Amino acid sequence: MKQEMKALGFSDKLQVLMEEQMRNDIPQFHLNDSIAADKGQVDFTLHFKQSGQSDYYYLNRYEVAHNKGKGLEEGEIHGHCSWSGWKEHSQAN
């Protein structure tokens, strides 16, 4: 899947994060990335899911948003919060 991620233009950093989740055998996870656009930036959320019948992972779905405002500089914090433990939480309830 690493080659496919690179072919789609996603960063090496995102590929490393994806591989880390897979090595930790996380059954479902999502990753966020963004790229600069002519006006603003394009934000991506990629949702991955492990097959119930094998060790393979699939890009289950994705979300793309074009934000026309000024993008964040490296190291800046914005108001979005993601929680990768949602599955464990939903099973506990």
PDB file of N, CA and C in Angstrom:
ATOM      1  N   MET A   1       0.829  -1.184   0.000  1.00  0.00           N
ATOM      2  CA  MET A   1       0.000   0.000   0.000  1.00  0.00           C
ATOM      3  C   MET A   1       0.878   1.255   0.000  1.00  0.00           C
ATOM      4  N   LYS A   2       2.109   1.131   0.468  1.00  0.00           N
ATOM      5  CA  LYS A   2       3.005   2.292   0.520  1.00  0.00           C
ATOM      6  C   LYS A   2       3.216   2.876  -0.878  1.00  0.00           C
ATOM      7  N   GLN A   3       3.410   2.020  -1.877  1.00  0.00           N
ATOM      8  CA  GLN A   3       3.624   2.497  -3.240  1.00  0.00           C
ATOM      9  C   GLN A   3       2.389   3.219  -3.765  1.00  0.00           C
ATOM     10  N   GLU A   4       1.216   2.704  -3.431  1.00  0.00           N
ATOM     11  CA  GLU A   4      -0.018   3.343  -3.865  1.00  0.00           C
ATOM     12  C   GLU A   4      -0.166   4.717  -3.229  1.00  0.00           C
ATOM     13  N   MET A   5       0.188   4.829  -1.940  1.00  0.00           N
ATOM     14  CA  MET A   5       0.098   6.113  -1.253  1.00  0.00           C
ATOM     15  C   MET A   5       1.026   7.127  -1.906  1.00  0.00           C
ATOM     16  N   LYS A   6       2.230   6.692  -2.253  1.00  0.00           N
ATOM     17  CA  LYS A   6       3.190   7.588  -2.900  1.00  0.00           C
ATOM     18  C   LYS A   6       2.678   7.998  -4.282  1.00  0.00           C
ATOM     19  N   ALA A   7       2.115   7.039  -5.024  1.00  0.00           N
ATOM     20  CA  ALA A   7       1.583   7.332  -6.356  1.00  0.00           C
ATOM     21  C   ALA A   7       0.424   8.323  -6.292  1.00  0.00           C
ATOM     22  N   LEU A   8      -0.332   8.299  -5.209  1.00  0.00           N
ATOM     23  CA  LEU A   8      -1.445   9.237  -5.038  1.00  0.00           C
ATOM     24  C   LEU A   8      -0.981  10.610  -4.574  1.00  0.00           C
ATOM     25  N   GLY A   9       0.325  10.740  -4.251  1.00  0.00           N
ATOM     26  CA  GLY A   9       0.885  12.041  -3.896  1.00  0.00           C
ATOM     27  C   GLY A   9       0.897  12.357  -2.415  1.00  0.00           C
ATOM     28  N   PHE A  10       0.637  11.364  -1.558  1.00  0.00           N
ATOM     29  CA  PHE A  10       0.648  11.618  -0.127  1.00  0.00           C
ATOM     30  C   PHE A  10       2.080  11.623   0.399  1.00  0.00           C
ATOM     31  N   SER A  11       2.281  12.352   1.476  1.00  0.00           N
ATOM     32  CA  SER A  11       3.617  12.590   2.020  1.00  0.00           C
ATOM     33  C   SER A  11       4.248  11.323   2.601  1.00  0.00           C
ATOM     34  N   ASP A  12       5.567  11.344   2.682  1.00  0.00           N
ATOM     35  CA  ASP A  12       6.293  10.244   3.319  1.00  0.00           C
ATOM     36  C   ASP A  12       5.890  10.124   4.784  1.00  0.00           C
ATOM     37  N   LYS A  13       5.643  11.250   5.429  1.00  0.00           N
ATOM     38  CA  LYS A  13       5.226  11.266   6.837  1.00  0.00           C
ATOM     39  C   LYS A  13       3.919  10.493   7.016  1.00  0.00           C
ATOM     40  N   LEU A  14       2.971  10.704   6.104  1.00  0.00           N
ATOM     41  CA  LEU A  14       1.688  10.007   6.178  1.00  0.00           C
ATOM     42  C   LEU A  14       1.887   8.504   5.961  1.00  0.00           C
ATOM     43  N   GLN A  15       2.782   8.146   5.062  1.00  0.00           N
ATOM     44  CA  GLN A  15       3.063   6.737   4.805  1.00  0.00           C
ATOM     45  C   GLN A  15       3.651   6.060   6.044  1.00  0.00           C
ATOM     46  N   VAL A  16       4.535   6.757   6.742  1.00  0.00           N
ATOM     47  CA  VAL A  16       5.132   6.226   7.968  1.00  0.00           C
ATOM     48  C   VAL A  16       4.054   6.023   9.034  1.00  0.00           C
ATOM     49  N   LEU A  17       3.154   6.990   9.183  1.00  0.00           N
ATOM     50  CA  LEU A  17       2.066   6.871  10.152  1.00  0.00           C
ATOM     51  C   LEU A  17       1.154   5.686   9.814  1.00  0.00           C
ATOM     52  N   MET A  18       0.869   5.502   8.537  1.00  0.00           N
ATOM     53  CA  MET A  18       0.035   4.390   8.094  1.00  0.00           C
ATOM     54  C   MET A  18       0.691   3.057   8.449  1.00  0.00           C
ATOM     55  N   GLU A  19       1.970   2.932   8.138  1.00  0.00           N
ATOM     56  CA  GLU A  19       2.689   1.690   8.426  1.00  0.00           C
ATOM     57  C   GLU A  19       2.737   1.410   9.924  1.00  0.00           C
ATOM     58  N   GLU A  20       2.879   2.445  10.733  1.00  0.00           N
ATOM     59  CA  GLU A  20       2.913   2.285  12.182  1.00  0.00           C
ATOM     60  C   GLU A  20       1.590   1.706  12.693  1.00  0.00           C
ATOM     61  N   GLN A  21       0.481   2.224  12.194  1.00  0.00           N
ATOM     62  CA  GLN A  21      -0.829   1.715  12.606  1.00  0.00           C
ATOM     63  C   GLN A  21      -0.997   0.255  12.190  1.00  0.00           C
ATOM     64  N   MET A  22      -0.523  -0.077  11.000  1.00  0.00           N
ATOM     65  CA  MET A  22      -0.637  -1.454  10.509  1.00  0.00           C
ATOM     66  C   MET A  22       0.241  -2.396  11.325  1.00  0.00           C
ATOM     67  N   ARG A  23       1.455  -1.976  11.646  1.00  0.00           N
ATOM     68  CA  ARG A  23       2.347  -2.812  12.467  1.00  0.00           C
ATOM     69  C   ARG A  23       1.759  -3.062  13.848  1.00  0.00           C
ATOM     70  N   ASN A  24       1.031  -2.077  14.376  1.00  0.00           N
ATOM     71  CA  ASN A  24       0.398  -2.213  15.686  1.00  0.00           C
ATOM     72  C   ASN A  24      -0.925  -2.966  15.609  1.00  0.00           C
ATOM     73  N   ASP A  25      -1.267  -3.457  14.409  1.00  0.00           N
ATOM     74  CA  ASP A  25      -2.455  -4.282  14.187  1.00  0.00           C
ATOM     75  C   ASP A  25      -3.741  -3.565  14.597  1.00  0.00           C
ATOM     76  N   ILE A  26      -3.814  -2.262  14.318  1.00  0.00           N
ATOM     77  CA  ILE A  26      -5.013  -1.476  14.598  1.00  0.00           C
ATOM     78  C   ILE A  26      -6.044  -1.823  13.515  1.00  0.00           C
ATOM     79  N   PRO A  27      -7.224  -2.353  13.880  1.00  0.00           N
ATOM     80  CA  PRO A  27      -8.179  -2.822  12.859  1.00  0.00           C
ATOM     81  C   PRO A  27      -8.807  -1.710  12.018  1.00  0.00           C
ATOM     82  N   GLN A  28      -8.988  -0.529  12.595  1.00  0.00           N
ATOM     83  CA  GLN A  28      -9.519   0.620  11.856  1.00  0.00           C
ATOM     84  C   GLN A  28      -8.798   1.869  12.339  1.00  0.00           C
ATOM     85  N   PHE A  29      -8.408   2.718  11.396  1.00  0.00           N
ATOM     86  CA  PHE A  29      -7.762   3.971  11.774  1.00  0.00           C
ATOM     87  C   PHE A  29      -7.952   4.982  10.651  1.00  0.00           C
ATOM     88  N   HIS A  30      -7.714   6.244  10.980  1.00  0.00           N
ATOM     89  CA  HIS A  30      -7.762   7.285   9.948  1.00  0.00           C
ATOM     90  C   HIS A  30      -6.530   8.171  10.067  1.00  0.00           C
ATOM     91  N   LEU A  31      -6.160   8.742   8.932  1.00  0.00           N
ATOM     92  CA  LEU A  31      -5.001   9.629   8.856  1.00  0.00           C
ATOM     93  C   LEU A  31      -5.429  10.923   8.186  1.00  0.00           C
ATOM     94  N   ASN A  32      -4.816  12.013   8.601  1.00  0.00           N
ATOM     95  CA  ASN A  32      -5.115  13.329   8.033  1.00  0.00           C
ATOM     96  C   ASN A  32      -3.879  13.872   7.325  1.00  0.00           C
ATOM     97  N   ASP A  33      -4.104  14.534   6.200  1.00  0.00           N
ATOM     98  CA  ASP A  33      -3.024  15.174   5.458  1.00  0.00           C
ATOM     99  C   ASP A  33      -3.605  16.410   4.774  1.00  0.00           C
ATOM    100  N   SER A  34      -2.757  17.313   4.378  1.00  0.00           N
ATOM    101  CA  SER A  34      -3.211  18.481   3.628  1.00  0.00           C
ATOM    102  C   SER A  34      -2.108  18.914   2.679  1.00  0.00           C
ATOM    103  N   ILE A  35      -2.534  19.526   1.583  1.00  0.00           N
ATOM    104  CA  ILE A  35      -1.596  20.066   0.607  1.00  0.00           C
ATOM    105  C   ILE A  35      -2.031  21.488   0.275  1.00  0.00           C
ATOM    106  N   ALA A  36      -1.059  22.297  -0.084  1.00  0.00           N
ATOM    107  CA  ALA A  36      -1.353  23.682  -0.465  1.00  0.00           C
ATOM    108  C   ALA A  36      -2.074  23.698  -1.805  1.00  0.00           C
ATOM    109  N   ALA A  37      -3.013  24.604  -1.940  1.00  0.00           N
ATOM    110  CA  ALA A  37      -3.736  24.807  -3.196  1.00  0.00           C
ATOM    111  C   ALA A  37      -3.495  26.242  -3.646  1.00  0.00           C
ATOM    112  N   ASP A  38      -3.921  26.572  -4.858  1.00  0.00           N
ATOM    113  CA  ASP A  38      -3.770  27.950  -5.344  1.00  0.00           C
ATOM    114  C   ASP A  38      -4.401  28.939  -4.380  1.00  0.00           C
ATOM    115  N   LYS A  39      -5.552  28.586  -3.835  1.00  0.00           N
ATOM    116  CA  LYS A  39      -6.237  29.424  -2.845  1.00  0.00           C
ATOM    117  C   LYS A  39      -6.549  28.536  -1.650  1.00  0.00           C
ATOM    118  N   GLY A  40      -5.779  28.669  -0.580  1.00  0.00           N
ATOM    119  CA  GLY A  40      -6.015  27.889   0.631  1.00  0.00           C
ATOM    120  C   GLY A  40      -5.286  26.565   0.609  1.00  0.00           C
ATOM    121  N   GLN A  41      -5.976  25.540   1.100  1.00  0.00           N
ATOM    122  CA  GLN A  41      -5.371  24.205   1.158  1.00  0.00           C
ATOM    123  C   GLN A  41      -6.455  23.157   0.977  1.00  0.00           C
ATOM    124  N   VAL A  42      -6.029  21.938   0.625  1.00  0.00           N
ATOM    125  CA  VAL A  42      -6.929  20.805   0.493  1.00  0.00           C
ATOM    126  C   VAL A  42      -6.600  19.838   1.617  1.00  0.00           C
ATOM    127  N   ASP A  43      -7.609  19.509   2.425  1.00  0.00           N
ATOM    128  CA  ASP A  43      -7.439  18.605   3.558  1.00  0.00           C
ATOM    129  C   ASP A  43      -8.023  17.241   3.211  1.00  0.00           C
ATOM    130  N   PHE A  44      -7.299  16.200   3.601  1.00  0.00           N
ATOM    131  CA  PHE A  44      -7.715  14.829   3.338  1.00  0.00           C
ATOM    132  C   PHE A  44      -7.848  14.071   4.652  1.00  0.00           C
ATOM    133  N   THR A  45      -8.854  13.229   4.749  1.00  0.00           N
ATOM    134  CA  THR A  45      -8.958  12.251   5.823  1.00  0.00           C
ATOM    135  C   THR A  45      -9.116  10.901   5.153  1.00  0.00           C
ATOM    136  N   LEU A  46      -8.183  10.012   5.415  1.00  0.00           N
ATOM    137  CA  LEU A  46      -8.181   8.674   4.821  1.00  0.00           C
ATOM    138  C   LEU A  46      -8.560   7.666   5.899  1.00  0.00           C
ATOM    139  N   HIS A  47      -9.553   6.844   5.613  1.00  0.00           N
ATOM    140  CA  HIS A  47     -10.038   5.841   6.564  1.00  0.00           C
ATOM    141  C   HIS A  47      -9.598   4.460   6.094  1.00  0.00           C
ATOM    142  N   PHE A  48      -8.868   3.761   6.938  1.00  0.00           N
ATOM    143  CA  PHE A  48      -8.371   2.429   6.622  1.00  0.00           C
ATOM    144  C   PHE A  48      -9.063   1.393   7.491  1.00  0.00           C
ATOM    145  N   LYS A  49      -9.228   0.196   6.913  1.00  0.00           N
ATOM    146  CA  LYS A  49      -9.856  -0.889   7.658  1.00  0.00           C
ATOM    147  C   LYS A  49      -9.167  -2.198   7.281  1.00  0.00           C
ATOM    148  N   GLN A  50      -8.905  -3.002   8.306  1.00  0.00           N
ATOM    149  CA  GLN A  50      -8.291  -4.303   8.084  1.00  0.00           C
ATOM    150  C   GLN A  50      -9.381  -5.293   7.691  1.00  0.00           C
ATOM    151  N   SER A  51      -9.074  -6.158   6.750  1.00  0.00           N
ATOM    152  CA  SER A  51     -10.009  -7.191   6.333  1.00  0.00           C
ATOM    153  C   SER A  51     -10.327  -8.107   7.505  1.00  0.00           C
ATOM    154  N   GLY A  52     -11.557  -8.555   7.597  1.00  0.00           N
ATOM    155  CA  GLY A  52     -11.943  -9.497   8.638  1.00  0.00           C
ATOM    156  C   GLY A  52     -11.470 -10.905   8.344  1.00  0.00           C
ATOM    157  N   GLN A  53     -10.964 -11.143   7.121  1.00  0.00           N
ATOM    158  CA  GLN A  53     -10.566 -12.486   6.712  1.00  0.00           C
ATOM    159  C   GLN A  53      -9.079 -12.626   6.437  1.00  0.00           C
ATOM    160  N   SER A  54      -8.329 -11.525   6.536  1.00  0.00           N
ATOM    161  CA  SER A  54      -6.889 -11.583   6.262  1.00  0.00           C
ATOM    162  C   SER A  54      -6.198 -10.426   6.983  1.00  0.00           C
ATOM    163  N   ASP A  55      -4.895 -10.319   6.781  1.00  0.00           N
ATOM    164  CA  ASP A  55      -4.130  -9.227   7.369  1.00  0.00           C
ATOM    165  C   ASP A  55      -4.094  -7.996   6.462  1.00  0.00           C
ATOM    166  N   TYR A  56      -4.736  -8.044   5.317  1.00  0.00           N
ATOM    167  CA  TYR A  56      -4.725  -6.928   4.381  1.00  0.00           C
ATOM    168  C   TYR A  56      -5.536  -5.751   4.909  1.00  0.00           C
ATOM    169  N   TYR A  57      -5.064  -4.557   4.568  1.00  0.00           N
ATOM    170  CA  TYR A  57      -5.772  -3.328   4.889  1.00  0.00           C
ATOM    171  C   TYR A  57      -6.300  -2.710   3.598  1.00  0.00           C
ATOM    172  N   TYR A  58      -7.417  -2.008   3.719  1.00  0.00           N
ATOM    173  CA  TYR A  58      -8.026  -1.344   2.584  1.00  0.00           C
ATOM    174  C   TYR A  58      -8.259   0.123   2.912  1.00  0.00           C
ATOM    175  N   LEU A  59      -8.104   0.959   1.884  1.00  0.00           N
ATOM    176  CA  LEU A  59      -8.523   2.351   2.012  1.00  0.00           C
ATOM    177  C   LEU A  59     -10.035   2.302   1.891  1.00  0.00           C
ATOM    178  N   ASN A  60     -10.698   2.322   3.023  1.00  0.00           N
ATOM    179  CA  ASN A  60     -12.132   2.085   3.106  1.00  0.00           C
ATOM    180  C   ASN A  60     -12.953   3.253   2.576  1.00  0.00           C
ATOM    181  N   ARG A  61     -12.543   4.477   2.921  1.00  0.00           N
ATOM    182  CA  ARG A  61     -13.199   5.678   2.408  1.00  0.00           C
ATOM    183  C   ARG A  61     -12.274   6.864   2.640  1.00  0.00           C
ATOM    184  N   TYR A  62     -12.602   7.970   2.013  1.00  0.00           N
ATOM    185  CA  TYR A  62     -11.811   9.185   2.186  1.00  0.00           C
ATOM    186  C   TYR A  62     -12.720  10.398   2.142  1.00  0.00           C
ATOM    187  N   GLU A  63     -12.252  11.476   2.746  1.00  0.00           N
ATOM    188  CA  GLU A  63     -12.953  12.754   2.737  1.00  0.00           C
ATOM    189  C   GLU A  63     -11.958  13.808   2.274  1.00  0.00           C
ATOM    190  N   VAL A  64     -12.440  14.723   1.448  1.00  0.00           N
ATOM    191  CA  VAL A  64     -11.595  15.796   0.923  1.00  0.00           C
ATOM    192  C   VAL A  64     -12.338  17.116   1.102  1.00  0.00           C
ATOM    193  N   ALA A  65     -11.632  18.114   1.595  1.00  0.00           N
ATOM    194  CA  ALA A  65     -12.236  19.437   1.780  1.00  0.00           C
ATOM    195  C   ALA A  65     -11.262  20.503   1.286  1.00  0.00           C
ATOM    196  N   HIS A  66     -11.782  21.452   0.504  1.00  0.00           N
ATOM    197  CA  HIS A  66     -10.969  22.581   0.052  1.00  0.00           C
ATOM    198  C   HIS A  66     -11.256  23.752   0.977  1.00  0.00           C
ATOM    199  N   ASN A  67     -10.269  24.116   1.759  1.00  0.00           N
ATOM    200  CA  ASN A  67     -10.386  25.248   2.676  1.00  0.00           C
ATOM    201  C   ASN A  67      -9.721  26.447   2.022  1.00  0.00           C
ATOM    202  N   LYS A  68     -10.500  27.466   1.773  1.00  0.00           N
ATOM    203  CA  LYS A  68     -10.001  28.623   1.033  1.00  0.00           C
ATOM    204  C   LYS A  68      -9.267  29.630   1.899  1.00  0.00           C
ATOM    205  N   GLY A  69      -9.265  29.446   3.203  1.00  0.00           N
ATOM    206  CA  GLY A  69      -8.547  30.352   4.093  1.00  0.00           C
ATOM    207  C   GLY A  69      -7.055  30.101   4.049  1.00  0.00           C
ATOM    208  N   LYS A  70      -6.315  30.934   4.745  1.00  0.00           N
ATOM    209  CA  LYS A  70      -4.861  30.775   4.832  1.00  0.00           C
ATOM    210  C   LYS A  70      -4.539  29.473   5.568  1.00  0.00           C
ATOM    211  N   GLY A  71      -3.678  28.668   4.996  1.00  0.00           N
ATOM    212  CA  GLY A  71      -3.284  27.417   5.607  1.00  0.00           C
ATOM    213  C   GLY A  71      -2.401  27.623   6.822  1.00  0.00           C
ATOM    214  N   LEU A  72      -2.287  26.610   7.644  1.00  0.00           N
ATOM    215  CA  LEU A  72      -1.448  26.679   8.837  1.00  0.00           C
ATOM    216  C   LEU A  72       0.010  26.472   8.459  1.00  0.00           C
ATOM    217  N   GLU A  73       0.868  27.149   9.171  1.00  0.00           N
ATOM    218  CA  GLU A  73       2.301  26.940   9.001  1.00  0.00           C
ATOM    219  C   GLU A  73       2.701  25.694   9.784  1.00  0.00           C
ATOM    220  N   GLU A  74       3.822  25.097   9.437  1.00  0.00           N
ATOM    221  CA  GLU A  74       4.339  23.921  10.139  1.00  0.00           C
ATOM    222  C   GLU A  74       4.420  24.203  11.630  1.00  0.00           C
ATOM    223  N   GLY A  75       3.838  23.333  12.434  1.00  0.00           N
ATOM    224  CA  GLY A  75       3.887  23.475  13.884  1.00  0.00           C
ATOM    225  C   GLY A  75       2.722  24.245  14.481  1.00  0.00           C
ATOM    226  N   GLU A  76       1.918  24.924  13.660  1.00  0.00           N
ATOM    227  CA  GLU A  76       0.749  25.626  14.180  1.00  0.00           C
ATOM    228  C   GLU A  76      -0.336  24.625  14.552  1.00  0.00           C
ATOM    229  N   ILE A  77      -1.145  24.990  15.527  1.00  0.00           N
ATOM    230  CA  ILE A  77      -2.212  24.121  16.002  1.00  0.00           C
ATOM    231  C   ILE A  77      -3.543  24.713  15.590  1.00  0.00           C
ATOM    232  N   HIS A  78      -4.446  23.850  15.130  1.00  0.00           N
ATOM    233  CA  HIS A  78      -5.784  24.326  14.791  1.00  0.00           C
ATOM    234  C   HIS A  78      -6.807  23.631  15.681  1.00  0.00           C
ATOM    235  N   GLY A  79      -8.066  23.961  15.556  1.00  0.00           N
ATOM    236  CA  GLY A  79      -9.101  23.495  16.465  1.00  0.00           C
ATOM    237  C   GLY A  79      -9.622  22.104  16.204  1.00  0.00           C
ATOM    238  N   HIS A  80      -9.096  21.369  15.228  1.00  0.00           N
ATOM    239  CA  HIS A  80      -9.591  20.029  14.935  1.00  0.00           C
ATOM    240  C   HIS A  80      -8.925  19.014  15.840  1.00  0.00           C
ATOM    241  N   CYS A  81      -9.700  18.126  16.381  1.00  0.00           N
ATOM    242  CA  CYS A  81      -9.167  17.078  17.244  1.00  0.00           C
ATOM    243  C   CYS A  81      -9.630  15.735  16.708  1.00  0.00           C
ATOM    244  N   SER A  82      -8.723  14.782  16.552  1.00  0.00           N
ATOM    245  CA  SER A  82      -9.125  13.449  16.133  1.00  0.00           C
ATOM    246  C   SER A  82      -8.732  12.467  17.211  1.00  0.00           C
ATOM    247  N   TRP A  83      -9.532  11.461  17.368  1.00  0.00           N
ATOM    248  CA  TRP A  83      -9.309  10.462  18.399  1.00  0.00           C
ATOM    249  C   TRP A  83      -9.291   9.111  17.743  1.00  0.00           C
ATOM    250  N   SER A  84      -8.149   8.451  17.701  1.00  0.00           N
ATOM    251  CA  SER A  84      -8.026   7.182  16.992  1.00  0.00           C
ATOM    252  C   SER A  84      -8.579   6.017  17.795  1.00  0.00           C
ATOM    253  N   GLY A  85      -8.967   6.224  19.046  1.00  0.00           N
ATOM    254  CA  GLY A  85      -9.481   5.139  19.861  1.00  0.00           C
ATOM    255  C   GLY A  85     -10.987   5.013  19.830  1.00  0.00           C
ATOM    256  N   TRP A  86     -11.646   5.542  18.818  1.00  0.00           N
ATOM    257  CA  TRP A  86     -13.103   5.550  18.799  1.00  0.00           C
ATOM    258  C   TRP A  86     -13.691   4.156  18.811  1.00  0.00           C
ATOM    259  N   LYS A  87     -13.031   3.180  18.192  1.00  0.00           N
ATOM    260  CA  LYS A  87     -13.594   1.831  18.143  1.00  0.00           C
ATOM    261  C   LYS A  87     -13.662   1.225  19.535  1.00  0.00           C
ATOM    262  N   GLU A  88     -12.570   1.360  20.287  1.00  0.00           N
ATOM    263  CA  GLU A  88     -12.549   0.817  21.634  1.00  0.00           C
ATOM    264  C   GLU A  88     -13.618   1.476  22.485  1.00  0.00           C
ATOM    265  N   HIS A  89     -13.801   2.781  22.310  1.00  0.00           N
ATOM    266  CA  HIS A  89     -14.807   3.515  23.077  1.00  0.00           C
ATOM    267  C   HIS A  89     -16.220   3.023  22.724  1.00  0.00           C
ATOM    268  N   SER A  90     -16.478   2.847  21.433  1.00  0.00           N
ATOM    269  CA  SER A  90     -17.823   2.443  21.019  1.00  0.00           C
ATOM    270  C   SER A  90     -18.141   1.022  21.482  1.00  0.00           C
ATOM    271  N   GLN A  91     -17.137   0.165  21.610  1.00  0.00           N
ATOM    272  CA  GLN A  91     -17.381  -1.201  22.078  1.00  0.00           C
ATOM    273  C   GLN A  91     -17.647  -1.216  23.578  1.00  0.00           C
ATOM    274  N   ALA A  92     -17.096  -0.260  24.290  1.00  0.00           N
ATOM    275  CA  ALA A  92     -17.258  -0.234  25.744  1.00  0.00           C
ATOM    276  C   ALA A  92     -18.649   0.222  26.132  1.00  0.00           C
ATOM    277  N   ASN A  93     -19.338   0.916  25.237  1.00  0.00           N
ATOM    278  CA  ASN A  93     -20.678   1.449  25.553  1.00  0.00           C
ATOM    279  C   ASN A  93     -21.762   0.533  25.071  1.00  0.00           C
TER     280      ASN A  93
END
